[in-house]
Amino acid sequence: GNVILASASSDLGKLKFNETYYYLPPQVLYGLSLGIGGFIAGFFIPYGKYKKWAPILLAVTLIGLFLTLTPLGFSSGGAKRWLELGPVIVQPGEILKITFIIYLAAWLSSIRGAMRSGNLFEGFLPFLFILGFLEFIFLIQKSTSTAAIILLSAIVTYFVSGAKKRYLLYLAVIVAIGFTAIVFLTPYRLQRFTTFLNPLADTQGAGYQINQALITI
């Protein structure tokens, strides 16, 4: 990630600040160092200890997610998904990718009996409600990629927890219908989808970035 950042931002750093790697040190300081710290914590702390903290971790992250919709939120590229906390800019959605899966695993492990019996009201419907609520928030933020990653991660977690096949089928149908409706009801998402299918259709407009990635020196 840092190599890609250094490559992609080198020209901009040179033009604006006469420093080729102007954007790299802050990323190493505020990004890579925190990532290494998280890795060390994850390595040494037994994952079973996360269970009692799962609701609190999720609640804190959700508060951060809602704060992005307030004046504390930082907008870029038409999306409002960052929090500006002094010199540090945080994207709660990225943290939620971890805290939600921790919470989901903790919750599903606590209702094993309901999962094995296929109880609709203790397993499938609460799962559907929680997941739908989060997806709705991300779609408001125009954070489609984060919504997709959390959706897929949640479905995999639900599957390995012992979900009944019929509920997985219901879930697949709901996701397919919801995805289709969202794409066709929001023009910019439809444009991204059609650009993915045919990137050469508009090389100077919607398909500009994806075609620039194909240029070799």
N, C-alpha and C. Protein backbone atom coordinates (compact mmCIF):
# COMPACT_ATOMS: atom_id res chain seq x y z
N GLY A 1 0.81 -1.21 0.00
CA GLY A 1 0.00 0.00 0.00
C GLY A 1 0.85 1.27 0.00
N ASN A 2 1.89 1.25 0.80
CA ASN A 2 2.77 2.43 0.85
C ASN A 2 3.57 2.61 -0.44
N VAL A 3 3.94 1.49 -1.06
CA VAL A 3 4.65 1.57 -2.34
C VAL A 3 3.74 2.18 -3.40
N ILE A 4 2.48 1.74 -3.42
CA ILE A 4 1.52 2.28 -4.39
C ILE A 4 1.27 3.76 -4.13
N LEU A 5 1.12 4.13 -2.85
CA LEU A 5 0.90 5.53 -2.49
C LEU A 5 2.07 6.39 -2.93
N ALA A 6 3.29 5.90 -2.67
CA ALA A 6 4.48 6.66 -3.04
C ALA A 6 4.55 6.87 -4.55
N SER A 7 4.16 5.84 -5.31
CA SER A 7 4.19 5.94 -6.77
C SER A 7 3.11 6.88 -7.29
N ALA A 8 1.89 6.74 -6.74
CA ALA A 8 0.75 7.51 -7.25
C ALA A 8 0.82 8.99 -6.88
N SER A 9 1.46 9.31 -5.75
CA SER A 9 1.46 10.70 -5.27
C SER A 9 2.77 11.44 -5.55
N SER A 10 3.73 10.78 -6.18
CA SER A 10 5.04 11.40 -6.36
C SER A 10 4.98 12.66 -7.23
N ASP A 11 4.23 12.60 -8.35
CA ASP A 11 4.13 13.77 -9.23
C ASP A 11 3.43 14.93 -8.53
N LEU A 12 2.34 14.62 -7.80
CA LEU A 12 1.59 15.66 -7.10
C LEU A 12 2.45 16.31 -6.02
N GLY A 13 3.18 15.50 -5.28
CA GLY A 13 4.07 16.04 -4.25
C GLY A 13 5.15 16.94 -4.84
N LYS A 14 5.67 16.54 -5.99
CA LYS A 14 6.71 17.33 -6.65
C LYS A 14 6.16 18.66 -7.15
N LEU A 15 4.95 18.64 -7.73
CA LEU A 15 4.35 19.85 -8.27
C LEU A 15 3.94 20.83 -7.18
N LYS A 16 3.35 20.32 -6.10
CA LYS A 16 2.81 21.20 -5.06
C LYS A 16 3.86 21.64 -4.03
N PHE A 17 4.75 20.72 -3.67
CA PHE A 17 5.65 21.01 -2.56
C PHE A 17 7.13 20.83 -2.92
N ASN A 18 7.38 20.53 -4.18
CA ASN A 18 8.76 20.29 -4.65
C ASN A 18 9.43 19.17 -3.84
N GLU A 19 8.62 18.21 -3.44
CA GLU A 19 9.12 17.06 -2.67
C GLU A 19 8.41 15.81 -3.20
N THR A 20 9.16 14.94 -3.84
CA THR A 20 8.56 13.78 -4.51
C THR A 20 7.77 12.90 -3.54
N TYR A 21 8.33 12.65 -2.36
CA TYR A 21 7.67 11.74 -1.41
C TYR A 21 7.06 12.50 -0.23
N TYR A 22 6.46 13.65 -0.55
CA TYR A 22 5.86 14.49 0.49
C TYR A 22 4.76 13.76 1.26
N TYR A 23 3.95 12.96 0.57
CA TYR A 23 2.79 12.31 1.19
C TYR A 23 3.14 10.99 1.89
N LEU A 24 4.34 10.49 1.69
CA LEU A 24 4.69 9.18 2.24
C LEU A 24 4.96 9.18 3.75
N PRO A 25 5.77 10.11 4.29
CA PRO A 25 6.04 10.07 5.75
C PRO A 25 4.79 10.13 6.63
N PRO A 26 3.79 11.01 6.35
CA PRO A 26 2.59 10.99 7.20
C PRO A 26 1.86 9.65 7.16
N GLN A 27 1.86 9.01 5.98
CA GLN A 27 1.20 7.71 5.88
C GLN A 27 1.92 6.65 6.71
N VAL A 28 3.24 6.70 6.70
CA VAL A 28 4.04 5.76 7.50
C VAL A 28 3.81 6.03 8.99
N LEU A 29 3.77 7.33 9.36
CA LEU A 29 3.64 7.71 10.76
C LEU A 29 2.25 7.39 11.32
N TYR A 30 1.22 7.81 10.58
CA TYR A 30 -0.15 7.66 11.10
C TYR A 30 -0.86 6.40 10.61
N GLY A 31 -0.33 5.78 9.57
CA GLY A 31 -0.98 4.59 9.03
C GLY A 31 -0.23 3.31 9.33
N LEU A 32 0.98 3.20 8.79
CA LEU A 32 1.75 1.98 8.94
C LEU A 32 2.10 1.67 10.40
N SER A 33 2.50 2.71 11.15
CA SER A 33 2.88 2.48 12.54
C SER A 33 1.69 1.98 13.37
N LEU A 34 0.51 2.59 13.15
CA LEU A 34 -0.69 2.13 13.86
C LEU A 34 -1.07 0.72 13.43
N GLY A 35 -0.88 0.44 12.15
CA GLY A 35 -1.18 -0.91 11.65
C GLY A 35 -0.28 -1.96 12.29
N ILE A 36 1.00 -1.64 12.43
CA ILE A 36 1.93 -2.56 13.09
C ILE A 36 1.54 -2.76 14.55
N GLY A 37 1.14 -1.65 15.20
CA GLY A 37 0.69 -1.75 16.59
C GLY A 37 -0.53 -2.65 16.72
N GLY A 38 -1.47 -2.51 15.78
CA GLY A 38 -2.65 -3.37 15.78
C GLY A 38 -2.30 -4.83 15.54
N PHE A 39 -1.34 -5.07 14.65
CA PHE A 39 -0.90 -6.43 14.38
C PHE A 39 -0.30 -7.08 15.64
N ILE A 40 0.54 -6.32 16.34
CA ILE A 40 1.18 -6.85 17.56
C ILE A 40 0.13 -7.16 18.62
N ALA A 41 -0.85 -6.24 18.78
CA ALA A 41 -1.92 -6.47 19.75
C ALA A 41 -2.74 -7.70 19.38
N GLY A 42 -3.06 -7.83 18.08
CA GLY A 42 -3.83 -8.98 17.64
C GLY A 42 -3.08 -10.29 17.80
N PHE A 43 -1.76 -10.22 17.69
CA PHE A 43 -0.93 -11.43 17.79
C PHE A 43 -0.85 -11.94 19.23
N PHE A 44 -0.73 -11.00 20.18
CA PHE A 44 -0.49 -11.40 21.56
C PHE A 44 -1.76 -11.54 22.40
N ILE A 45 -2.84 -10.88 22.03
CA ILE A 45 -4.08 -10.96 22.81
C ILE A 45 -4.94 -12.11 22.27
N PRO A 46 -5.26 -13.12 23.09
CA PRO A 46 -6.11 -14.23 22.63
C PRO A 46 -7.46 -13.72 22.14
N TYR A 47 -7.88 -14.20 20.96
CA TYR A 47 -9.09 -13.65 20.36
C TYR A 47 -10.33 -13.91 21.21
N GLY A 48 -10.29 -14.92 22.07
CA GLY A 48 -11.44 -15.20 22.94
C GLY A 48 -11.75 -14.05 23.89
N LYS A 49 -10.73 -13.24 24.20
CA LYS A 49 -10.93 -12.11 25.12
C LYS A 49 -11.71 -10.97 24.47
N TYR A 50 -11.78 -10.99 23.13
CA TYR A 50 -12.51 -9.92 22.44
C TYR A 50 -14.02 -10.01 22.69
N LYS A 51 -14.48 -11.21 23.05
CA LYS A 51 -15.93 -11.45 23.09
C LYS A 51 -16.67 -10.49 24.03
N LYS A 52 -16.14 -10.30 25.23
CA LYS A 52 -16.85 -9.44 26.18
C LYS A 52 -16.79 -7.97 25.79
N TRP A 53 -15.79 -7.63 24.97
CA TRP A 53 -15.65 -6.24 24.53
C TRP A 53 -16.36 -5.97 23.20
N ALA A 54 -16.87 -7.01 22.56
CA ALA A 54 -17.44 -6.87 21.22
C ALA A 54 -18.55 -5.83 21.14
N PRO A 55 -19.56 -5.83 22.04
CA PRO A 55 -20.62 -4.81 21.94
C PRO A 55 -20.10 -3.39 22.09
N ILE A 56 -19.12 -3.19 23.01
CA ILE A 56 -18.57 -1.85 23.24
C ILE A 56 -17.79 -1.38 22.02
N LEU A 57 -16.97 -2.29 21.46
CA LEU A 57 -16.19 -1.93 20.26
C LEU A 57 -17.11 -1.54 19.11
N LEU A 58 -18.18 -2.31 18.94
CA LEU A 58 -19.13 -1.99 17.87
C LEU A 58 -19.83 -0.67 18.12
N ALA A 59 -20.26 -0.44 19.36
CA ALA A 59 -20.97 0.80 19.71
C ALA A 59 -20.09 2.03 19.46
N VAL A 60 -18.82 1.96 19.88
CA VAL A 60 -17.90 3.09 19.68
C VAL A 60 -17.70 3.37 18.20
N THR A 61 -17.56 2.30 17.42
CA THR A 61 -17.36 2.47 15.98
C THR A 61 -18.61 3.05 15.32
N LEU A 62 -19.78 2.61 15.76
CA LEU A 62 -21.03 3.14 15.19
C LEU A 62 -21.19 4.62 15.52
N ILE A 63 -20.79 5.02 16.73
CA ILE A 63 -20.84 6.44 17.08
C ILE A 63 -19.95 7.24 16.13
N GLY A 64 -18.76 6.72 15.87
CA GLY A 64 -17.86 7.37 14.92
C GLY A 64 -18.45 7.45 13.53
N LEU A 65 -19.17 6.39 13.16
CA LEU A 65 -19.80 6.35 11.84
C LEU A 65 -20.87 7.43 11.72
N PHE A 66 -21.67 7.60 12.78
CA PHE A 66 -22.71 8.62 12.76
C PHE A 66 -22.12 10.03 12.80
N LEU A 67 -20.98 10.18 13.48
CA LEU A 67 -20.34 11.50 13.57
C LEU A 67 -19.86 11.99 12.22
N THR A 68 -19.63 11.07 11.27
CA THR A 68 -19.22 11.50 9.93
C THR A 68 -20.32 12.29 9.23
N LEU A 69 -21.56 12.12 9.69
CA LEU A 69 -22.69 12.83 9.10
C LEU A 69 -22.93 14.18 9.77
N THR A 70 -22.10 14.52 10.77
CA THR A 70 -22.20 15.79 11.49
C THR A 70 -21.11 16.74 10.96
N PRO A 71 -21.04 17.96 11.50
CA PRO A 71 -19.96 18.88 11.08
C PRO A 71 -18.55 18.35 11.30
N LEU A 72 -18.40 17.32 12.15
CA LEU A 72 -17.08 16.73 12.35
C LEU A 72 -16.66 15.88 11.16
N GLY A 73 -17.63 15.55 10.30
CA GLY A 73 -17.35 14.73 9.14
C GLY A 73 -16.54 15.48 8.10
N PHE A 74 -15.68 14.75 7.41
CA PHE A 74 -14.79 15.33 6.39
C PHE A 74 -15.18 14.75 5.03
N SER A 75 -15.49 15.63 4.06
CA SER A 75 -15.94 15.19 2.74
C SER A 75 -14.80 15.22 1.73
N SER A 76 -14.85 14.27 0.81
CA SER A 76 -13.88 14.22 -0.28
C SER A 76 -14.47 13.41 -1.43
N GLY A 77 -14.38 13.97 -2.63
CA GLY A 77 -14.87 13.25 -3.80
C GLY A 77 -16.36 12.99 -3.79
N GLY A 78 -17.12 13.85 -3.10
CA GLY A 78 -18.57 13.67 -3.05
C GLY A 78 -19.04 12.71 -1.98
N ALA A 79 -18.11 12.13 -1.21
CA ALA A 79 -18.48 11.19 -0.14
C ALA A 79 -18.07 11.77 1.21
N LYS A 80 -18.89 11.48 2.22
CA LYS A 80 -18.61 11.98 3.57
C LYS A 80 -18.45 10.79 4.49
N ARG A 81 -17.22 10.30 4.61
CA ARG A 81 -16.98 9.07 5.36
C ARG A 81 -15.78 9.16 6.30
N TRP A 82 -15.24 10.37 6.51
CA TRP A 82 -14.06 10.54 7.35
C TRP A 82 -14.37 11.46 8.53
N LEU A 83 -13.61 11.28 9.61
CA LEU A 83 -13.66 12.17 10.77
C LEU A 83 -12.33 12.89 10.88
N GLU A 84 -12.39 14.23 11.02
CA GLU A 84 -11.17 15.01 11.14
C GLU A 84 -10.96 15.34 12.61
N LEU A 85 -10.01 14.65 13.24
CA LEU A 85 -9.72 14.83 14.65
C LEU A 85 -8.33 15.46 14.80
N GLY A 86 -8.29 16.77 14.70
CA GLY A 86 -7.00 17.47 14.75
C GLY A 86 -6.15 17.11 13.54
N PRO A 87 -4.94 16.65 13.77
CA PRO A 87 -4.06 16.30 12.65
C PRO A 87 -4.37 14.93 12.05
N VAL A 88 -5.26 14.19 12.70
CA VAL A 88 -5.54 12.82 12.27
C VAL A 88 -6.91 12.74 11.61
N ILE A 89 -6.96 12.07 10.46
CA ILE A 89 -8.22 11.82 9.77
C ILE A 89 -8.53 10.32 9.86
N VAL A 90 -9.69 9.99 10.42
CA VAL A 90 -10.07 8.60 10.67
C VAL A 90 -11.27 8.24 9.81
N GLN A 91 -11.27 7.02 9.27
CA GLN A 91 -12.41 6.51 8.52
C GLN A 91 -13.05 5.39 9.34
N PRO A 92 -14.13 5.70 10.09
CA PRO A 92 -14.74 4.70 10.96
C PRO A 92 -15.18 3.43 10.23
N GLY A 93 -15.54 3.56 8.96
CA GLY A 93 -15.97 2.39 8.20
C GLY A 93 -14.89 1.34 8.09
N GLU A 94 -13.62 1.77 8.02
CA GLU A 94 -12.51 0.82 7.95
C GLU A 94 -12.38 0.07 9.27
N ILE A 95 -12.58 0.78 10.38
CA ILE A 95 -12.49 0.14 11.70
C ILE A 95 -13.67 -0.81 11.89
N LEU A 96 -14.82 -0.43 11.34
CA LEU A 96 -16.02 -1.25 11.49
C LEU A 96 -15.87 -2.61 10.79
N LYS A 97 -15.03 -2.67 9.77
CA LYS A 97 -14.77 -3.96 9.11
C LYS A 97 -14.27 -5.00 10.10
N ILE A 98 -13.56 -4.53 11.12
CA ILE A 98 -13.02 -5.43 12.15
C ILE A 98 -14.02 -5.60 13.29
N THR A 99 -14.50 -4.47 13.83
CA THR A 99 -15.35 -4.54 15.03
C THR A 99 -16.67 -5.24 14.77
N PHE A 100 -17.22 -5.08 13.55
CA PHE A 100 -18.50 -5.73 13.25
C PHE A 100 -18.33 -7.24 13.17
N ILE A 101 -17.25 -7.72 12.55
CA ILE A 101 -17.03 -9.15 12.45
C ILE A 101 -16.76 -9.76 13.83
N ILE A 102 -16.03 -9.01 14.68
CA ILE A 102 -15.81 -9.48 16.05
C ILE A 102 -17.15 -9.60 16.78
N TYR A 103 -17.99 -8.56 16.64
CA TYR A 103 -19.31 -8.59 17.29
C TYR A 103 -20.17 -9.72 16.73
N LEU A 104 -20.18 -9.86 15.41
CA LEU A 104 -21.01 -10.87 14.77
C LEU A 104 -20.60 -12.27 15.22
N ALA A 105 -19.28 -12.53 15.26
CA ALA A 105 -18.79 -13.83 15.70
C ALA A 105 -19.17 -14.10 17.15
N ALA A 106 -19.04 -13.07 18.00
CA ALA A 106 -19.38 -13.22 19.42
C ALA A 106 -20.87 -13.50 19.58
N TRP A 107 -21.70 -12.75 18.86
CA TRP A 107 -23.15 -12.93 18.96
C TRP A 107 -23.59 -14.29 18.44
N LEU A 108 -23.09 -14.68 17.28
CA LEU A 108 -23.50 -15.96 16.69
C LEU A 108 -23.06 -17.14 17.56
N SER A 109 -21.90 -17.00 18.21
CA SER A 109 -21.44 -18.09 19.08
C SER A 109 -22.32 -18.21 20.33
N SER A 110 -22.97 -17.11 20.70
CA SER A 110 -23.82 -17.13 21.89
C SER A 110 -25.22 -17.67 21.61
N ILE A 111 -25.58 -17.83 20.33
CA ILE A 111 -26.90 -18.36 19.98
C ILE A 111 -26.76 -19.63 19.14
N ARG A 112 -25.80 -20.46 19.50
CA ARG A 112 -25.55 -21.68 18.73
C ARG A 112 -26.79 -22.56 18.63
N GLY A 113 -27.51 -22.65 19.75
CA GLY A 113 -28.71 -23.49 19.76
C GLY A 113 -29.74 -23.02 18.74
N ALA A 114 -29.95 -21.70 18.69
CA ALA A 114 -30.90 -21.14 17.73
C ALA A 114 -30.42 -21.33 16.30
N MET A 115 -29.11 -21.25 16.08
CA MET A 115 -28.57 -21.44 14.75
C MET A 115 -28.75 -22.89 14.29
N ARG A 116 -28.49 -23.83 15.20
CA ARG A 116 -28.63 -25.24 14.84
C ARG A 116 -30.08 -25.61 14.55
N SER A 117 -30.99 -25.03 15.32
CA SER A 117 -32.42 -25.36 15.15
C SER A 117 -33.05 -24.58 14.01
N GLY A 118 -32.34 -23.55 13.52
CA GLY A 118 -32.89 -22.75 12.43
C GLY A 118 -33.97 -21.79 12.89
N ASN A 119 -33.85 -21.31 14.14
CA ASN A 119 -34.84 -20.39 14.69
C ASN A 119 -34.83 -19.07 13.91
N LEU A 120 -35.94 -18.76 13.28
CA LEU A 120 -36.04 -17.59 12.41
C LEU A 120 -35.90 -16.29 13.19
N PHE A 121 -36.49 -16.23 14.38
CA PHE A 121 -36.57 -14.97 15.12
C PHE A 121 -35.36 -14.72 16.02
N GLU A 122 -34.56 -15.74 16.28
CA GLU A 122 -33.36 -15.55 17.10
C GLU A 122 -32.08 -15.54 16.28
N GLY A 123 -32.15 -16.00 15.04
CA GLY A 123 -30.96 -16.07 14.21
C GLY A 123 -31.04 -15.22 12.95
N PHE A 124 -31.85 -15.65 12.00
CA PHE A 124 -31.85 -15.04 10.68
C PHE A 124 -32.35 -13.60 10.69
N LEU A 125 -33.49 -13.35 11.28
CA LEU A 125 -34.07 -12.00 11.22
C LEU A 125 -33.22 -10.95 11.95
N PRO A 126 -32.72 -11.23 13.18
CA PRO A 126 -31.82 -10.24 13.81
C PRO A 126 -30.56 -10.00 12.97
N PHE A 127 -30.00 -11.06 12.40
CA PHE A 127 -28.82 -10.92 11.54
C PHE A 127 -29.14 -10.02 10.35
N LEU A 128 -30.29 -10.25 9.75
CA LEU A 128 -30.71 -9.47 8.58
C LEU A 128 -30.92 -8.01 8.96
N PHE A 129 -31.49 -7.77 10.12
CA PHE A 129 -31.75 -6.40 10.57
C PHE A 129 -30.44 -5.64 10.81
N ILE A 130 -29.52 -6.27 11.55
CA ILE A 130 -28.23 -5.61 11.86
C ILE A 130 -27.46 -5.31 10.58
N LEU A 131 -27.39 -6.31 9.71
CA LEU A 131 -26.64 -6.15 8.46
C LEU A 131 -27.29 -5.09 7.57
N GLY A 132 -28.61 -5.12 7.46
CA GLY A 132 -29.33 -4.15 6.65
C GLY A 132 -29.15 -2.73 7.15
N PHE A 133 -29.15 -2.57 8.47
CA PHE A 133 -28.96 -1.25 9.08
C PHE A 133 -27.59 -0.67 8.72
N LEU A 134 -26.54 -1.49 8.84
CA LEU A 134 -25.19 -1.03 8.53
C LEU A 134 -25.04 -0.73 7.04
N GLU A 135 -25.61 -1.58 6.21
CA GLU A 135 -25.52 -1.35 4.77
C GLU A 135 -26.21 -0.04 4.39
N PHE A 136 -27.31 0.26 5.03
CA PHE A 136 -28.04 1.50 4.77
C PHE A 136 -27.18 2.72 5.10
N ILE A 137 -26.48 2.66 6.25
CA ILE A 137 -25.61 3.77 6.65
C ILE A 137 -24.50 3.97 5.64
N PHE A 138 -23.89 2.90 5.19
CA PHE A 138 -22.79 3.01 4.23
C PHE A 138 -23.27 3.52 2.88
N LEU A 139 -24.46 3.15 2.49
CA LEU A 139 -24.99 3.63 1.21
C LEU A 139 -25.30 5.12 1.28
N ILE A 140 -25.73 5.60 2.46
CA ILE A 140 -25.94 7.04 2.65
C ILE A 140 -24.60 7.77 2.50
N GLN A 141 -23.54 7.17 3.03
CA GLN A 141 -22.21 7.77 2.96
C GLN A 141 -21.59 7.65 1.57
N LYS A 142 -22.26 6.94 0.68
CA LYS A 142 -21.72 6.65 -0.66
C LYS A 142 -20.43 5.84 -0.59
N SER A 143 -20.39 4.95 0.40
CA SER A 143 -19.22 4.08 0.59
C SER A 143 -19.58 2.68 0.12
N THR A 144 -19.74 2.53 -1.18
CA THR A 144 -20.22 1.27 -1.76
C THR A 144 -19.24 0.13 -1.55
N SER A 145 -17.94 0.39 -1.73
CA SER A 145 -16.95 -0.68 -1.60
C SER A 145 -16.90 -1.22 -0.17
N THR A 146 -16.97 -0.33 0.82
CA THR A 146 -16.97 -0.77 2.22
C THR A 146 -18.22 -1.58 2.52
N ALA A 147 -19.36 -1.13 1.99
CA ALA A 147 -20.61 -1.86 2.18
C ALA A 147 -20.51 -3.27 1.61
N ALA A 148 -19.90 -3.40 0.44
CA ALA A 148 -19.76 -4.71 -0.21
C ALA A 148 -18.84 -5.63 0.59
N ILE A 149 -17.72 -5.08 1.09
CA ILE A 149 -16.77 -5.89 1.86
C ILE A 149 -17.41 -6.40 3.15
N ILE A 150 -18.11 -5.51 3.86
CA ILE A 150 -18.76 -5.91 5.11
C ILE A 150 -19.88 -6.92 4.84
N LEU A 151 -20.61 -6.72 3.75
CA LEU A 151 -21.67 -7.65 3.39
C LEU A 151 -21.12 -9.05 3.16
N LEU A 152 -20.07 -9.16 2.35
CA LEU A 152 -19.48 -10.47 2.05
C LEU A 152 -18.87 -11.11 3.29
N SER A 153 -18.19 -10.30 4.11
CA SER A 153 -17.59 -10.83 5.34
C SER A 153 -18.66 -11.35 6.29
N ALA A 154 -19.76 -10.61 6.41
CA ALA A 154 -20.86 -11.01 7.29
C ALA A 154 -21.52 -12.29 6.81
N ILE A 155 -21.72 -12.43 5.50
CA ILE A 155 -22.35 -13.64 4.96
C ILE A 155 -21.46 -14.86 5.20
N VAL A 156 -20.14 -14.70 5.01
CA VAL A 156 -19.22 -15.81 5.26
C VAL A 156 -19.24 -16.21 6.74
N THR A 157 -19.23 -15.21 7.63
CA THR A 157 -19.29 -15.48 9.07
C THR A 157 -20.59 -16.18 9.44
N TYR A 158 -21.68 -15.73 8.85
CA TYR A 158 -22.99 -16.35 9.10
C TYR A 158 -23.01 -17.79 8.60
N PHE A 159 -22.40 -18.03 7.46
CA PHE A 159 -22.35 -19.37 6.87
C PHE A 159 -21.57 -20.34 7.76
N VAL A 160 -20.36 -19.94 8.18
CA VAL A 160 -19.54 -20.84 8.98
C VAL A 160 -20.08 -21.03 10.40
N SER A 161 -21.02 -20.18 10.81
CA SER A 161 -21.61 -20.34 12.14
C SER A 161 -22.65 -21.45 12.18
N GLY A 162 -22.97 -22.01 11.00
CA GLY A 162 -23.92 -23.12 10.95
C GLY A 162 -25.30 -22.73 10.47
N ALA A 163 -25.39 -21.70 9.66
CA ALA A 163 -26.69 -21.24 9.16
C ALA A 163 -27.34 -22.31 8.28
N LYS A 164 -28.64 -22.38 8.34
CA LYS A 164 -29.39 -23.32 7.51
C LYS A 164 -29.32 -22.89 6.04
N LYS A 165 -29.29 -23.87 5.15
CA LYS A 165 -29.15 -23.59 3.73
C LYS A 165 -30.30 -22.74 3.19
N ARG A 166 -31.50 -22.97 3.71
CA ARG A 166 -32.63 -22.20 3.19
C ARG A 166 -32.49 -20.71 3.51
N TYR A 167 -31.91 -20.39 4.68
CA TYR A 167 -31.70 -18.99 5.04
C TYR A 167 -30.61 -18.36 4.18
N LEU A 168 -29.60 -19.14 3.84
CA LEU A 168 -28.57 -18.64 2.93
C LEU A 168 -29.15 -18.36 1.55
N LEU A 169 -30.09 -19.20 1.14
CA LEU A 169 -30.77 -18.97 -0.14
C LEU A 169 -31.62 -17.71 -0.09
N TYR A 170 -32.37 -17.53 1.00
CA TYR A 170 -33.15 -16.29 1.18
C TYR A 170 -32.24 -15.07 1.13
N LEU A 171 -31.10 -15.19 1.81
CA LEU A 171 -30.15 -14.08 1.87
C LEU A 171 -29.60 -13.74 0.48
N ALA A 172 -29.30 -14.77 -0.30
CA ALA A 172 -28.78 -14.56 -1.65
C ALA A 172 -29.80 -13.83 -2.52
N VAL A 173 -31.07 -14.21 -2.39
CA VAL A 173 -32.13 -13.56 -3.16
C VAL A 173 -32.29 -12.10 -2.74
N ILE A 174 -32.29 -11.84 -1.43
CA ILE A 174 -32.44 -10.47 -0.92
C ILE A 174 -31.28 -9.59 -1.39
N VAL A 175 -30.05 -10.13 -1.30
CA VAL A 175 -28.87 -9.37 -1.72
C VAL A 175 -28.92 -9.08 -3.22
N ALA A 176 -29.31 -10.07 -4.01
CA ALA A 176 -29.37 -9.88 -5.46
C ALA A 176 -30.39 -8.81 -5.84
N ILE A 177 -31.55 -8.86 -5.22
CA ILE A 177 -32.60 -7.87 -5.52
C ILE A 177 -32.17 -6.49 -5.04
N GLY A 178 -31.61 -6.43 -3.81
CA GLY A 178 -31.17 -5.14 -3.26
C GLY A 178 -30.05 -4.53 -4.07
N PHE A 179 -29.07 -5.33 -4.49
CA PHE A 179 -27.95 -4.83 -5.28
C PHE A 179 -28.44 -4.28 -6.61
N THR A 180 -29.31 -5.02 -7.27
CA THR A 180 -29.84 -4.58 -8.56
C THR A 180 -30.60 -3.26 -8.43
N ALA A 181 -31.44 -3.16 -7.39
CA ALA A 181 -32.24 -1.95 -7.18
C ALA A 181 -31.33 -0.74 -6.90
N ILE A 182 -30.34 -0.93 -6.05
CA ILE A 182 -29.44 0.17 -5.68
C ILE A 182 -28.66 0.66 -6.89
N VAL A 183 -28.15 -0.27 -7.70
CA VAL A 183 -27.37 0.11 -8.89
C VAL A 183 -28.21 0.91 -9.87
N PHE A 184 -29.44 0.45 -10.12
CA PHE A 184 -30.26 1.12 -11.14
C PHE A 184 -30.94 2.39 -10.62
N LEU A 185 -31.03 2.55 -9.30
CA LEU A 185 -31.67 3.73 -8.75
C LEU A 185 -30.70 4.88 -8.49
N THR A 186 -29.40 4.58 -8.52
CA THR A 186 -28.39 5.62 -8.31
C THR A 186 -27.51 5.71 -9.56
N PRO A 187 -27.63 6.78 -10.33
CA PRO A 187 -26.92 6.89 -11.62
C PRO A 187 -25.41 6.70 -11.54
N TYR A 188 -24.76 7.25 -10.49
CA TYR A 188 -23.30 7.14 -10.43
C TYR A 188 -22.86 5.70 -10.19
N ARG A 189 -23.66 4.93 -9.44
CA ARG A 189 -23.32 3.51 -9.24
C ARG A 189 -23.55 2.73 -10.53
N LEU A 190 -24.60 3.08 -11.25
CA LEU A 190 -24.86 2.42 -12.53
C LEU A 190 -23.73 2.72 -13.51
N GLN A 191 -23.24 3.95 -13.49
CA GLN A 191 -22.13 4.32 -14.37
C GLN A 191 -20.87 3.53 -14.03
N ARG A 192 -20.59 3.36 -12.75
CA ARG A 192 -19.42 2.59 -12.34
C ARG A 192 -19.55 1.14 -12.77
N PHE A 193 -20.75 0.61 -12.69
CA PHE A 193 -20.99 -0.79 -13.07
C PHE A 193 -20.82 -0.98 -14.58
N THR A 194 -21.40 -0.07 -15.35
CA THR A 194 -21.27 -0.18 -16.81
C THR A 194 -19.83 0.08 -17.26
N THR A 195 -19.12 0.95 -16.54
CA THR A 195 -17.71 1.19 -16.86
C THR A 195 -16.88 -0.05 -16.59
N PHE A 196 -17.22 -0.76 -15.52
CA PHE A 196 -16.53 -2.01 -15.21
C PHE A 196 -16.74 -3.04 -16.32
N LEU A 197 -17.95 -3.10 -16.85
CA LEU A 197 -18.25 -4.05 -17.91
C LEU A 197 -17.61 -3.65 -19.23
N ASN A 198 -17.53 -2.33 -19.49
CA ASN A 198 -16.97 -1.86 -20.76
C ASN A 198 -16.09 -0.63 -20.49
N PRO A 199 -14.87 -0.81 -20.00
CA PRO A 199 -14.01 0.33 -19.62
C PRO A 199 -13.57 1.19 -20.80
N LEU A 200 -13.67 0.70 -22.02
CA LEU A 200 -13.23 1.46 -23.18
C LEU A 200 -14.32 2.35 -23.77
N ALA A 201 -15.52 2.30 -23.18
CA ALA A 201 -16.64 3.06 -23.74
C ALA A 201 -16.44 4.57 -23.59
N ASP A 202 -15.81 4.99 -22.51
CA ASP A 202 -15.62 6.42 -22.25
C ASP A 202 -14.25 6.62 -21.60
N THR A 203 -13.20 6.55 -22.40
CA THR A 203 -11.83 6.57 -21.86
C THR A 203 -11.43 7.92 -21.26
N GLN A 204 -12.08 9.02 -21.69
CA GLN A 204 -11.76 10.34 -21.17
C GLN A 204 -12.72 10.80 -20.08
N GLY A 205 -13.72 9.98 -19.79
CA GLY A 205 -14.71 10.34 -18.77
C GLY A 205 -14.74 9.32 -17.65
N ALA A 206 -15.83 8.54 -17.59
CA ALA A 206 -16.02 7.59 -16.49
C ALA A 206 -14.94 6.52 -16.44
N GLY A 207 -14.40 6.14 -17.61
CA GLY A 207 -13.40 5.08 -17.63
C GLY A 207 -11.97 5.59 -17.62
N TYR A 208 -11.77 6.87 -17.29
CA TYR A 208 -10.43 7.46 -17.36
C TYR A 208 -9.44 6.77 -16.43
N GLN A 209 -9.80 6.62 -15.17
CA GLN A 209 -8.86 6.06 -14.19
C GLN A 209 -8.50 4.62 -14.51
N ILE A 210 -9.49 3.83 -14.84
CA ILE A 210 -9.22 2.40 -15.08
C ILE A 210 -8.36 2.23 -16.33
N ASN A 211 -8.48 3.13 -17.31
CA ASN A 211 -7.64 3.04 -18.50
C ASN A 211 -6.25 3.58 -18.24
N GLN A 212 -6.14 4.60 -17.37
CA GLN A 212 -4.82 5.11 -17.02
C GLN A 212 -3.98 4.03 -16.33
N ALA A 213 -4.66 3.14 -15.59
CA ALA A 213 -3.95 2.08 -14.89
C ALA A 213 -3.30 1.09 -15.85
N LEU A 214 -3.78 1.07 -17.08
CA LEU A 214 -3.24 0.14 -18.07
C LEU A 214 -2.00 0.69 -18.79
N ILE A 215 -1.73 1.98 -18.58
CA ILE A 215 -0.59 2.60 -19.27
C ILE A 215 0.73 2.12 -18.65
N THR A 216 1.63 1.68 -19.49
CA THR A 216 2.94 1.24 -19.02
C THR A 216 4.02 2.16 -19.57
N ILE A 217 5.08 2.27 -18.83
CA ILE A 217 6.19 3.13 -19.25
C ILE A 217 7.20 2.30 -20.04
